[in-house]
Protein backbone atom coordinates (compact mmCIF):
# COMPACT_ATOMS: atom_id res chain seq x y z
CA MET A 1 92.41 121.86 82.63
CA ILE A 2 91.47 118.94 84.86
CA GLU A 3 94.32 116.60 85.78
CA LEU A 4 93.30 113.05 84.91
CA ASN A 5 94.93 109.72 85.68
CA PRO A 6 94.09 106.16 84.62
CA GLY A 7 91.71 104.69 87.19
CA ASP A 8 90.00 108.00 88.01
CA THR A 9 86.21 108.11 88.05
CA VAL A 10 84.94 111.26 86.39
CA VAL A 11 81.57 112.91 85.82
CA ILE A 12 80.63 113.17 82.14
CA ARG A 13 78.44 116.10 81.13
CA ALA A 14 74.94 115.29 79.87
CA GLY A 15 74.53 115.40 76.12
CA GLU A 16 71.60 115.34 73.75
CA ASP A 17 71.55 111.53 73.76
CA TRP A 18 72.79 110.67 77.27
CA PRO A 19 72.38 111.86 80.88
CA GLU A 20 75.20 113.02 83.14
CA HIS A 21 76.98 109.88 84.33
CA LEU A 22 80.07 108.43 85.98
CA PHE A 23 82.87 107.12 83.79
CA ARG A 24 86.05 105.19 84.69
CA VAL A 25 89.13 106.47 82.85
CA ASP A 26 91.37 103.68 81.53
CA TYR A 27 93.28 105.63 78.87
CA ILE A 28 94.09 109.29 78.31
CA PHE A 29 94.52 110.49 74.73
CA ASP A 30 95.30 113.97 73.35
CA ASP A 31 91.65 114.93 72.87
CA CYS A 32 89.61 112.31 74.74
CA VAL A 33 89.62 109.63 77.42
CA GLY A 34 88.92 105.94 76.94
CA GLY A 35 87.12 103.79 79.45
CA TYR A 36 83.78 102.51 80.65
CA SER A 37 80.53 104.12 81.75
CA LEU A 38 79.70 103.16 85.32
CA THR A 39 76.18 104.55 85.60
CA GLY A 40 73.25 105.46 83.39
CA PRO A 41 71.85 103.73 80.32
CA MET A 42 75.34 103.10 78.91
CA ALA A 43 76.72 101.42 82.07
CA GLY A 44 79.32 98.83 81.12
CA GLU A 45 79.85 100.26 77.64
CA TYR A 46 83.28 101.35 76.37
CA GLY A 47 83.53 104.91 75.09
CA GLU A 48 85.94 107.71 74.24
CA PRO A 49 84.32 110.98 75.33
CA ASP A 50 86.02 114.26 74.44
CA LEU A 51 87.97 115.91 77.25
CA GLY A 52 85.51 118.82 77.11
CA LEU A 53 82.74 116.51 78.37
CA VAL A 54 84.58 115.80 81.65
CA LEU A 55 83.01 118.01 84.32
CA ARG A 56 85.14 116.96 87.29
CA VAL A 57 86.94 114.08 88.98
CA HIS A 58 84.46 112.20 91.17
CA ALA A 59 87.02 109.81 92.73
CA SER A 60 90.77 109.75 92.26
CA ALA A 61 92.58 106.50 91.44
CA ASP A 62 94.94 106.87 94.38
């Protein structure tokens, strides 16, 4: 399992309706993360992608 912290920037796996993109983690829940897309067609949009969609940490908060 990937260790995530608020403020991390992660890579979200491409899905049927969206490309792979960067996402800033603001909240960590039991089964998903909450935050904002940084790149791609959903840039600036709030979302709660499932933890399984997180490929890796792109940049750590610290």
